[in-house]
Amino acid sequence: MDWEGVWRVLFTLWYYHRGKTLGILLGLIFGLLTVTLGFWKALFIAFCIGVGFWVGKRLDEEGNFKKLLDRILKER
């Protein structure tokens, strides 16, 4: 098996079709979790991943974790 060719194909897929490739991978992971754990547990894990992604994205944008927590948890 030519690993250089495999990596070239994977890189090309990621470069030109990033959204489709990511969607396929996420669908595969969710499907495997659903089969092994059940629908509700897999949905909970997907929710936790989504919240973690959102917090991480906000942290990347803000650059300061304390500032982010103050903004999220501020008294109204």
Protein backbone atom coordinates (compact mmCIF):
# COMPACT_ATOMS: atom_id res chain seq x y z
CA MET A 1 0.00 0.00 0.00
CA ASP A 2 1.33 3.42 -0.98
CA TRP A 3 0.92 5.62 2.12
CA GLU A 4 2.08 8.72 0.30
CA GLY A 5 -0.82 8.37 -2.11
CA VAL A 6 -3.28 7.85 0.74
CA TRP A 7 -2.06 10.98 2.53
CA ARG A 8 -2.25 12.96 -0.73
CA VAL A 9 -5.87 11.91 -1.23
CA LEU A 10 -6.77 12.75 2.39
CA PHE A 11 -5.06 16.14 2.13
CA THR A 12 -6.87 16.88 -1.15
CA LEU A 13 -10.22 15.92 0.38
CA TRP A 14 -9.55 18.10 3.43
CA TYR A 15 -8.33 21.06 1.36
CA TYR A 16 -11.10 21.12 -1.27
CA HIS A 17 -14.00 19.52 0.62
CA ARG A 18 -13.41 20.42 4.28
CA GLY A 19 -17.08 20.75 5.22
CA LYS A 20 -18.13 17.50 3.57
CA THR A 21 -15.20 15.61 5.07
CA LEU A 22 -15.88 16.98 8.53
CA GLY A 23 -19.60 16.19 8.17
CA ILE A 24 -18.84 12.61 7.19
CA LEU A 25 -16.47 12.15 10.13
CA LEU A 26 -18.95 13.65 12.61
CA GLY A 27 -21.75 11.50 11.20
CA LEU A 28 -19.59 8.39 11.48
CA ILE A 29 -18.64 9.18 15.07
CA PHE A 30 -22.26 9.93 16.07
CA GLY A 31 -23.44 6.74 14.36
CA LEU A 32 -20.87 4.63 16.19
CA LEU A 33 -21.77 6.27 19.51
CA THR A 34 -25.46 5.66 18.86
CA VAL A 35 -24.89 1.99 18.10
CA THR A 36 -22.65 1.41 21.12
CA LEU A 37 -24.23 3.68 23.75
CA GLY A 38 -27.78 4.34 22.58
CA PHE A 39 -29.40 7.44 21.10
CA TRP A 40 -29.85 9.58 24.23
CA LYS A 41 -26.34 9.03 25.56
CA ALA A 42 -24.88 9.76 22.13
CA LEU A 43 -27.02 12.91 21.89
CA PHE A 44 -25.78 14.03 25.31
CA ILE A 45 -22.17 13.50 24.24
CA ALA A 46 -22.82 15.46 21.03
CA PHE A 47 -24.35 18.27 23.11
CA CYS A 48 -21.31 18.35 25.42
CA ILE A 49 -19.00 18.48 22.41
CA GLY A 50 -21.03 21.36 20.98
CA VAL A 51 -20.85 23.32 24.24
CA GLY A 52 -17.12 22.63 24.48
CA PHE A 53 -16.63 23.83 20.91
CA TRP A 54 -18.64 27.00 21.60
CA VAL A 55 -16.64 27.79 24.76
CA GLY A 56 -13.35 27.09 22.97
CA LYS A 57 -14.32 29.28 20.03
CA ARG A 58 -15.30 32.13 22.34
CA LEU A 59 -12.05 31.71 24.25
CA ASP A 60 -10.08 31.92 21.00
CA GLU A 61 -11.94 35.10 20.09
CA GLU A 62 -11.70 36.73 23.52
CA GLY A 63 -8.19 35.56 24.39
CA ASN A 64 -8.83 35.74 28.14
CA PHE A 65 -10.63 33.01 30.10
CA LYS A 66 -11.49 35.22 33.09
CA LYS A 67 -13.01 37.84 30.80
CA LEU A 68 -15.03 35.13 29.05
CA LEU A 69 -16.36 33.74 32.35
CA ASP A 70 -17.25 37.22 33.58
CA ARG A 71 -19.17 37.86 30.38
CA ILE A 72 -21.02 34.51 30.45
CA LEU A 73 -21.80 34.52 34.20
CA LYS A 74 -22.36 38.24 34.77
CA GLU A 75 -25.25 39.24 36.97
CA ARG A 76 -28.22 40.64 35.13
